[in-house]
Amino acid sequence: ETIPVGPTQAQRGLFAVLFCRSLVGRALQVTDPADYGPLVTAGDFHSVVGDREKAVGTFREFVFFHEESIYPEFAVFYRREM
C-alpha cells in the first residue's frame, strides 16, 4: 500500500490558523532586546512579554519557555480568494 505524499486535490490552496490558549503566569515585561531566558528558567518568571507596543508602537511579543503553558484550542482552515 502506498501513502500519498503532499496535499490532496481538496487540500490544495488550503491555509490554517492555530488558536492557542496560553498561561502567562508571572511575566517579565521588557522593552529592550536581551537574553531574558536565565531569569525565566531560574524560576523567577514564567514568561517574557516584549512590549514593543510601548517601545516602538507596534505590538507585544509573548515568549514561553515551558510547553505546558500553551494549549492548542482549535484550528481554522480557510481558502484565500483573490
PDB file of N, CA and C in Angstrom:
ATOM      1  N   GLU A   1       0.848  -1.174   0.000  1.00  0.00           N
ATOM      2  CA  GLU A   1       0.000   0.000   0.000  1.00  0.00           C
ATOM      3  C   GLU A   1       0.891   1.234   0.000  1.00  0.00           C
ATOM      4  N   THR A   2       0.556   2.199  -0.821  1.00  0.00           N
ATOM      5  CA  THR A   2       1.333   3.438  -0.874  1.00  0.00           C
ATOM      6  C   THR A   2       0.614   4.536  -0.096  1.00  0.00           C
ATOM      7  N   ILE A   3       1.400   5.417   0.453  1.00  0.00           N
ATOM      8  CA  ILE A   3       0.867   6.545   1.200  1.00  0.00           C
ATOM      9  C   ILE A   3       1.113   7.801   0.374  1.00  0.00           C
ATOM     10  N   PRO A   4       0.053   8.557   0.063  1.00  0.00           N
ATOM     11  CA  PRO A   4       0.255   9.764  -0.747  1.00  0.00           C
ATOM     12  C   PRO A   4       1.130  10.784  -0.022  1.00  0.00           C
ATOM     13  N   VAL A   5       1.989  11.418  -0.798  1.00  0.00           N
ATOM     14  CA  VAL A   5       2.874  12.439  -0.245  1.00  0.00           C
ATOM     15  C   VAL A   5       2.408  13.788  -0.769  1.00  0.00           C
ATOM     16  N   GLY A   6       2.331  14.768   0.117  1.00  0.00           N
ATOM     17  CA  GLY A   6       1.910  16.099  -0.294  1.00  0.00           C
ATOM     18  C   GLY A   6       0.409  16.262  -0.163  1.00  0.00           C
ATOM     19  N   PRO A   7      -0.085  17.459  -0.456  1.00  0.00           N
ATOM     20  CA  PRO A   7      -1.512  17.730  -0.287  1.00  0.00           C
ATOM     21  C   PRO A   7      -2.367  17.036  -1.338  1.00  0.00           C
ATOM     22  N   THR A   8      -3.565  16.662  -0.941  1.00  0.00           N
ATOM     23  CA  THR A   8      -4.518  16.097  -1.899  1.00  0.00           C
ATOM     24  C   THR A   8      -5.127  17.237  -2.699  1.00  0.00           C
ATOM     25  N   GLN A   9      -5.892  16.899  -3.712  1.00  0.00           N
ATOM     26  CA  GLN A   9      -6.537  17.923  -4.535  1.00  0.00           C
ATOM     27  C   GLN A   9      -7.430  18.821  -3.684  1.00  0.00           C
ATOM     28  N   ALA A  10      -8.154  18.253  -2.724  1.00  0.00           N
ATOM     29  CA  ALA A  10      -9.047  19.035  -1.865  1.00  0.00           C
ATOM     30  C   ALA A  10      -8.269  19.950  -0.920  1.00  0.00           C
ATOM     31  N   GLN A  11      -7.022  19.598  -0.605  1.00  0.00           N
ATOM     32  CA  GLN A  11      -6.229  20.389   0.339  1.00  0.00           C
ATOM     33  C   GLN A  11      -5.424  21.499  -0.332  1.00  0.00           C
ATOM     34  N   ARG A  12      -5.296  21.466  -1.638  1.00  0.00           N
ATOM     35  CA  ARG A  12      -4.505  22.487  -2.326  1.00  0.00           C
ATOM     36  C   ARG A  12      -5.134  23.862  -2.115  1.00  0.00           C
ATOM     37  N   GLY A  13      -4.316  24.828  -1.787  1.00  0.00           N
ATOM     38  CA  GLY A  13      -4.795  26.184  -1.559  1.00  0.00           C
ATOM     39  C   GLY A  13      -5.453  26.383  -0.208  1.00  0.00           C
ATOM     40  N   LEU A  14      -5.364  25.383   0.656  1.00  0.00           N
ATOM     41  CA  LEU A  14      -5.960  25.461   1.982  1.00  0.00           C
ATOM     42  C   LEU A  14      -4.923  25.982   2.969  1.00  0.00           C
ATOM     43  N   PHE A  15      -5.329  26.951   3.789  1.00  0.00           N
ATOM     44  CA  PHE A  15      -4.452  27.530   4.795  1.00  0.00           C
ATOM     45  C   PHE A  15      -5.034  27.241   6.170  1.00  0.00           C
ATOM     46  N   ALA A  16      -4.214  27.355   7.191  1.00  0.00           N
ATOM     47  CA  ALA A  16      -4.677  27.060   8.547  1.00  0.00           C
ATOM     48  C   ALA A  16      -4.133  28.082   9.539  1.00  0.00           C
ATOM     49  N   VAL A  17      -4.941  28.357  10.540  1.00  0.00           N
ATOM     50  CA  VAL A  17      -4.532  29.195  11.670  1.00  0.00           C
ATOM     51  C   VAL A  17      -4.801  28.383  12.923  1.00  0.00           C
ATOM     52  N   LEU A  18      -3.811  28.288  13.797  1.00  0.00           N
ATOM     53  CA  LEU A  18      -3.953  27.551  15.041  1.00  0.00           C
ATOM     54  C   LEU A  18      -4.168  28.547  16.175  1.00  0.00           C
ATOM     55  N   PHE A  19      -5.291  28.419  16.871  1.00  0.00           N
ATOM     56  CA  PHE A  19      -5.593  29.270  18.015  1.00  0.00           C
ATOM     57  C   PHE A  19      -5.231  28.509  19.286  1.00  0.00           C
ATOM     58  N   CYS A  20      -4.462  29.166  20.149  1.00  0.00           N
ATOM     59  CA  CYS A  20      -3.983  28.514  21.363  1.00  0.00           C
ATOM     60  C   CYS A  20      -4.384  29.308  22.600  1.00  0.00           C
ATOM     61  N   ARG A  21      -4.630  28.589  23.671  1.00  0.00           N
ATOM     62  CA  ARG A  21      -4.761  29.211  24.982  1.00  0.00           C
ATOM     63  C   ARG A  21      -3.375  29.176  25.603  1.00  0.00           C
ATOM     64  N   SER A  22      -3.071  30.203  26.358  1.00  0.00           N
ATOM     65  CA  SER A  22      -1.757  30.228  26.996  1.00  0.00           C
ATOM     66  C   SER A  22      -1.878  30.755  28.413  1.00  0.00           C
ATOM     67  N   LEU A  23      -1.025  30.251  29.244  1.00  0.00           N
ATOM     68  CA  LEU A  23      -0.957  30.664  30.631  1.00  0.00           C
ATOM     69  C   LEU A  23       0.319  31.473  30.799  1.00  0.00           C
ATOM     70  N   VAL A  24       0.160  32.787  30.932  1.00  0.00           N
ATOM     71  CA  VAL A  24       1.312  33.680  31.002  1.00  0.00           C
ATOM     72  C   VAL A  24       1.996  33.580  32.361  1.00  0.00           C
ATOM     73  N   GLY A  25       1.226  33.428  33.425  1.00  0.00           N
ATOM     74  CA  GLY A  25       1.810  33.346  34.762  1.00  0.00           C
ATOM     75  C   GLY A  25       2.429  34.671  35.177  1.00  0.00           C
ATOM     76  N   ARG A  26       3.520  34.610  35.894  1.00  0.00           N
ATOM     77  CA  ARG A  26       4.241  35.812  36.303  1.00  0.00           C
ATOM     78  C   ARG A  26       5.154  36.199  35.151  1.00  0.00           C
ATOM     79  N   ALA A  27       4.789  37.274  34.455  1.00  0.00           N
ATOM     80  CA  ALA A  27       5.503  37.659  33.240  1.00  0.00           C
ATOM     81  C   ALA A  27       6.537  38.741  33.526  1.00  0.00           C
ATOM     82  N   LEU A  28       7.670  38.597  32.906  1.00  0.00           N
ATOM     83  CA  LEU A  28       8.700  39.625  32.927  1.00  0.00           C
ATOM     84  C   LEU A  28       8.426  40.543  31.745  1.00  0.00           C
ATOM     85  N   GLN A  29       8.058  41.793  31.992  1.00  0.00           N
ATOM     86  CA  GLN A  29       7.773  42.734  30.922  1.00  0.00           C
ATOM     87  C   GLN A  29       9.027  43.532  30.614  1.00  0.00           C
ATOM     88  N   VAL A  30       9.403  43.526  29.336  1.00  0.00           N
ATOM     89  CA  VAL A  30      10.629  44.195  28.914  1.00  0.00           C
ATOM     90  C   VAL A  30      10.358  45.041  27.676  1.00  0.00           C
ATOM     91  N   THR A  31      11.181  46.057  27.469  1.00  0.00           N
ATOM     92  CA  THR A  31      11.092  46.877  26.257  1.00  0.00           C
ATOM     93  C   THR A  31      12.376  46.821  25.442  1.00  0.00           C
ATOM     94  N   ASP A  32      13.455  46.336  26.041  1.00  0.00           N
ATOM     95  CA  ASP A  32      14.739  46.254  25.340  1.00  0.00           C
ATOM     96  C   ASP A  32      15.085  44.808  25.029  1.00  0.00           C
ATOM     97  N   PRO A  33      15.622  44.539  23.818  1.00  0.00           N
ATOM     98  CA  PRO A  33      16.013  43.173  23.475  1.00  0.00           C
ATOM     99  C   PRO A  33      17.221  42.718  24.295  1.00  0.00           C
ATOM    100  N   ALA A  34      17.151  41.497  24.788  1.00  0.00           N
ATOM    101  CA  ALA A  34      18.257  40.894  25.548  1.00  0.00           C
ATOM    102  C   ALA A  34      17.922  39.427  25.772  1.00  0.00           C
ATOM    103  N   ASP A  35      18.818  38.698  26.380  1.00  0.00           N
ATOM    104  CA  ASP A  35      18.584  37.290  26.721  1.00  0.00           C
ATOM    105  C   ASP A  35      17.987  37.226  28.125  1.00  0.00           C
ATOM    106  N   TYR A  36      16.677  37.081  28.195  1.00  0.00           N
ATOM    107  CA  TYR A  36      15.984  37.014  29.480  1.00  0.00           C
ATOM    108  C   TYR A  36      15.700  35.571  29.900  1.00  0.00           C
ATOM    109  N   GLY A  37      16.162  34.620  29.124  1.00  0.00           N
ATOM    110  CA  GLY A  37      15.934  33.213  29.410  1.00  0.00           C
ATOM    111  C   GLY A  37      16.385  32.769  30.786  1.00  0.00           C
ATOM    112  N   PRO A  38      17.582  33.163  31.229  1.00  0.00           N
ATOM    113  CA  PRO A  38      18.036  32.725  32.556  1.00  0.00           C
ATOM    114  C   PRO A  38      17.108  33.151  33.701  1.00  0.00           C
ATOM    115  N   LEU A  39      16.490  34.320  33.588  1.00  0.00           N
ATOM    116  CA  LEU A  39      15.554  34.760  34.631  1.00  0.00           C
ATOM    117  C   LEU A  39      14.327  33.859  34.682  1.00  0.00           C
ATOM    118  N   VAL A  40      13.886  33.412  33.508  1.00  0.00           N
ATOM    119  CA  VAL A  40      12.698  32.540  33.447  1.00  0.00           C
ATOM    120  C   VAL A  40      13.049  31.137  33.897  1.00  0.00           C
ATOM    121  N   THR A  41      14.127  30.594  33.379  1.00  0.00           N
ATOM    122  CA  THR A  41      14.478  29.214  33.718  1.00  0.00           C
ATOM    123  C   THR A  41      14.926  29.071  35.167  1.00  0.00           C
ATOM    124  N   ALA A  42      15.355  30.179  35.798  1.00  0.00           N
ATOM    125  CA  ALA A  42      15.721  30.135  37.217  1.00  0.00           C
ATOM    126  C   ALA A  42      14.491  30.065  38.112  1.00  0.00           C
ATOM    127  N   GLY A  43      13.311  30.322  37.532  1.00  0.00           N
ATOM    128  CA  GLY A  43      12.079  30.218  38.306  1.00  0.00           C
ATOM    129  C   GLY A  43      11.513  31.540  38.781  1.00  0.00           C
ATOM    130  N   ASP A  44      12.185  32.641  38.460  1.00  0.00           N
ATOM    131  CA  ASP A  44      11.687  33.946  38.889  1.00  0.00           C
ATOM    132  C   ASP A  44      10.433  34.362  38.119  1.00  0.00           C
ATOM    133  N   PHE A  45      10.349  33.960  36.845  1.00  0.00           N
ATOM    134  CA  PHE A  45       9.223  34.316  35.982  1.00  0.00           C
ATOM    135  C   PHE A  45       8.783  33.097  35.186  1.00  0.00           C
ATOM    136  N   HIS A  46       7.570  33.169  34.624  1.00  0.00           N
ATOM    137  CA  HIS A  46       7.042  32.071  33.812  1.00  0.00           C
ATOM    138  C   HIS A  46       7.138  32.355  32.322  1.00  0.00           C
ATOM    139  N   SER A  47       7.159  33.630  31.947  1.00  0.00           N
ATOM    140  CA  SER A  47       7.198  34.011  30.541  1.00  0.00           C
ATOM    141  C   SER A  47       7.784  35.411  30.418  1.00  0.00           C
ATOM    142  N   VAL A  48       8.027  35.820  29.167  1.00  0.00           N
ATOM    143  CA  VAL A  48       8.549  37.158  28.885  1.00  0.00           C
ATOM    144  C   VAL A  48       7.581  37.845  27.936  1.00  0.00           C
ATOM    145  N   VAL A  49       7.232  39.087  28.252  1.00  0.00           N
ATOM    146  CA  VAL A  49       6.408  39.895  27.363  1.00  0.00           C
ATOM    147  C   VAL A  49       7.291  41.023  26.848  1.00  0.00           C
ATOM    148  N   GLY A  50       7.612  40.946  25.569  1.00  0.00           N
ATOM    149  CA  GLY A  50       8.379  42.007  24.920  1.00  0.00           C
ATOM    150  C   GLY A  50       7.408  43.084  24.493  1.00  0.00           C
ATOM    151  N   ASP A  51       7.364  44.174  25.225  1.00  0.00           N
ATOM    152  CA  ASP A  51       6.372  45.219  24.974  1.00  0.00           C
ATOM    153  C   ASP A  51       6.858  46.161  23.886  1.00  0.00           C
ATOM    154  N   ARG A  52       6.802  45.694  22.653  1.00  0.00           N
ATOM    155  CA  ARG A  52       7.204  46.501  21.510  1.00  0.00           C
ATOM    156  C   ARG A  52       6.200  47.619  21.275  1.00  0.00           C
ATOM    157  N   GLU A  53       4.970  47.418  21.757  1.00  0.00           N
ATOM    158  CA  GLU A  53       3.954  48.463  21.633  1.00  0.00           C
ATOM    159  C   GLU A  53       4.399  49.706  22.396  1.00  0.00           C
ATOM    160  N   LYS A  54       4.895  49.499  23.605  1.00  0.00           N
ATOM    161  CA  LYS A  54       5.376  50.620  24.415  1.00  0.00           C
ATOM    162  C   LYS A  54       6.698  51.162  23.858  1.00  0.00           C
ATOM    163  N   ALA A  55       7.572  50.273  23.398  1.00  0.00           N
ATOM    164  CA  ALA A  55       8.901  50.691  22.951  1.00  0.00           C
ATOM    165  C   ALA A  55       8.875  51.427  21.613  1.00  0.00           C
ATOM    166  N   VAL A  56       8.191  50.859  20.612  1.00  0.00           N
ATOM    167  CA  VAL A  56       8.214  51.459  19.269  1.00  0.00           C
ATOM    168  C   VAL A  56       6.834  51.563  18.624  1.00  0.00           C
ATOM    169  N   GLY A  57       5.778  51.272  19.381  1.00  0.00           N
ATOM    170  CA  GLY A  57       4.421  51.454  18.872  1.00  0.00           C
ATOM    171  C   GLY A  57       3.921  50.375  17.932  1.00  0.00           C
ATOM    172  N   THR A  58       4.444  49.147  18.026  1.00  0.00           N
ATOM    173  CA  THR A  58       3.983  48.103  17.102  1.00  0.00           C
ATOM    174  C   THR A  58       3.092  47.069  17.789  1.00  0.00           C
ATOM    175  N   PHE A  59       3.638  46.122  18.475  1.00  0.00           N
ATOM    176  CA  PHE A  59       2.871  45.016  19.052  1.00  0.00           C
ATOM    177  C   PHE A  59       3.610  44.462  20.256  1.00  0.00           C
ATOM    178  N   ARG A  60       2.953  43.537  20.954  1.00  0.00           N
ATOM    179  CA  ARG A  60       3.609  42.861  22.083  1.00  0.00           C
ATOM    180  C   ARG A  60       3.940  41.432  21.679  1.00  0.00           C
ATOM    181  N   GLU A  61       5.087  40.955  22.108  1.00  0.00           N
ATOM    182  CA  GLU A  61       5.523  39.581  21.852  1.00  0.00           C
ATOM    183  C   GLU A  61       5.475  38.804  23.160  1.00  0.00           C
ATOM    184  N   PHE A  62       4.894  37.615  23.102  1.00  0.00           N
ATOM    185  CA  PHE A  62       4.837  36.734  24.266  1.00  0.00           C
ATOM    186  C   PHE A  62       5.766  35.561  24.011  1.00  0.00           C
ATOM    187  N   VAL A  63       6.707  35.331  24.926  1.00  0.00           N
ATOM    188  CA  VAL A  63       7.672  34.242  24.786  1.00  0.00           C
ATOM    189  C   VAL A  63       7.480  33.295  25.962  1.00  0.00           C
ATOM    190  N   PHE A  64       7.227  32.020  25.627  1.00  0.00           N
ATOM    191  CA  PHE A  64       7.001  30.998  26.642  1.00  0.00           C
ATOM    192  C   PHE A  64       8.174  30.031  26.645  1.00  0.00           C
ATOM    193  N   PHE A  65       8.588  29.626  27.816  1.00  0.00           N
ATOM    194  CA  PHE A  65       9.729  28.727  27.951  1.00  0.00           C
ATOM    195  C   PHE A  65       9.309  27.317  28.348  1.00  0.00           C
ATOM    196  N   HIS A  66       8.029  27.139  28.664  1.00  0.00           N
ATOM    197  CA  HIS A  66       7.529  25.838  29.088  1.00  0.00           C
ATOM    198  C   HIS A  66       6.358  25.450  28.197  1.00  0.00           C
ATOM    199  N   GLU A  67       6.503  24.360  27.464  1.00  0.00           N
ATOM    200  CA  GLU A  67       5.457  23.974  26.519  1.00  0.00           C
ATOM    201  C   GLU A  67       4.135  23.671  27.208  1.00  0.00           C
ATOM    202  N   GLU A  68       4.161  23.384  28.488  1.00  0.00           N
ATOM    203  CA  GLU A  68       2.918  23.117  29.219  1.00  0.00           C
ATOM    204  C   GLU A  68       2.064  24.376  29.344  1.00  0.00           C
ATOM    205  N   SER A  69       2.650  25.534  29.068  1.00  0.00           N
ATOM    206  CA  SER A  69       1.931  26.802  29.185  1.00  0.00           C
ATOM    207  C   SER A  69       1.056  27.109  27.977  1.00  0.00           C
ATOM    208  N   ILE A  70       1.188  26.321  26.913  1.00  0.00           N
ATOM    209  CA  ILE A  70       0.452  26.582  25.679  1.00  0.00           C
ATOM    210  C   ILE A  70      -0.390  25.365  25.328  1.00  0.00           C
ATOM    211  N   TYR A  71      -1.674  25.617  25.045  1.00  0.00           N
ATOM    212  CA  TYR A  71      -2.598  24.542  24.704  1.00  0.00           C
ATOM    213  C   TYR A  71      -3.292  24.873  23.384  1.00  0.00           C
ATOM    214  N   PRO A  72      -3.079  24.075  22.336  1.00  0.00           N
ATOM    215  CA  PRO A  72      -3.794  24.319  21.081  1.00  0.00           C
ATOM    216  C   PRO A  72      -5.294  24.097  21.286  1.00  0.00           C
ATOM    217  N   GLU A  73      -6.072  25.144  21.104  1.00  0.00           N
ATOM    218  CA  GLU A  73      -7.516  25.075  21.352  1.00  0.00           C
ATOM    219  C   GLU A  73      -8.258  24.564  20.121  1.00  0.00           C
ATOM    220  N   PHE A  74      -8.028  25.195  18.964  1.00  0.00           N
ATOM    221  CA  PHE A  74      -8.659  24.724  17.739  1.00  0.00           C
ATOM    222  C   PHE A  74      -7.937  25.291  16.528  1.00  0.00           C
ATOM    223  N   ALA A  75      -8.180  24.684  15.382  1.00  0.00           N
ATOM    224  CA  ALA A  75      -7.580  25.130  14.125  1.00  0.00           C
ATOM    225  C   ALA A  75      -8.695  25.587  13.199  1.00  0.00           C
ATOM    226  N   VAL A  76      -8.433  26.635  12.451  1.00  0.00           N
ATOM    227  CA  VAL A  76      -9.354  27.150  11.443  1.00  0.00           C
ATOM    228  C   VAL A  76      -8.688  26.977  10.091  1.00  0.00           C
ATOM    229  N   PHE A  77      -9.375  26.292   9.193  1.00  0.00           N
ATOM    230  CA  PHE A  77      -8.873  26.100   7.838  1.00  0.00           C
ATOM    231  C   PHE A  77      -9.660  27.016   6.915  1.00  0.00           C
ATOM    232  N   TYR A  78      -8.966  27.635   5.956  1.00  0.00           N
ATOM    233  CA  TYR A  78      -9.632  28.576   5.056  1.00  0.00           C
ATOM    234  C   TYR A  78      -8.923  28.592   3.708  1.00  0.00           C
ATOM    235  N   ARG A  79      -9.618  29.170   2.733  1.00  0.00           N
ATOM    236  CA  ARG A  79      -9.052  29.387   1.398  1.00  0.00           C
ATOM    237  C   ARG A  79      -9.036  30.886   1.139  1.00  0.00           C
ATOM    238  N   ARG A  80      -8.033  31.331   0.458  1.00  0.00           N
ATOM    239  CA  ARG A  80      -7.928  32.744   0.093  1.00  0.00           C
ATOM    240  C   ARG A  80      -8.575  32.957  -1.264  1.00  0.00           C
ATOM    241  N   GLU A  81      -9.343  34.011  -1.360  1.00  0.00           N
ATOM    242  CA  GLU A  81      -9.929  34.367  -2.647  1.00  0.00           C
ATOM    243  C   GLU A  81      -9.255  35.631  -3.141  1.00  0.00           C
ATOM    244  N   MET A  82      -8.877  35.613  -4.394  1.00  0.00           N
ATOM    245  CA  MET A  82      -8.194  36.767  -4.983  1.00  0.00           C
ATOM    246  C   MET A  82      -9.145  37.536  -5.859  1.00  0.00           C
TER     247      MET A  82
END
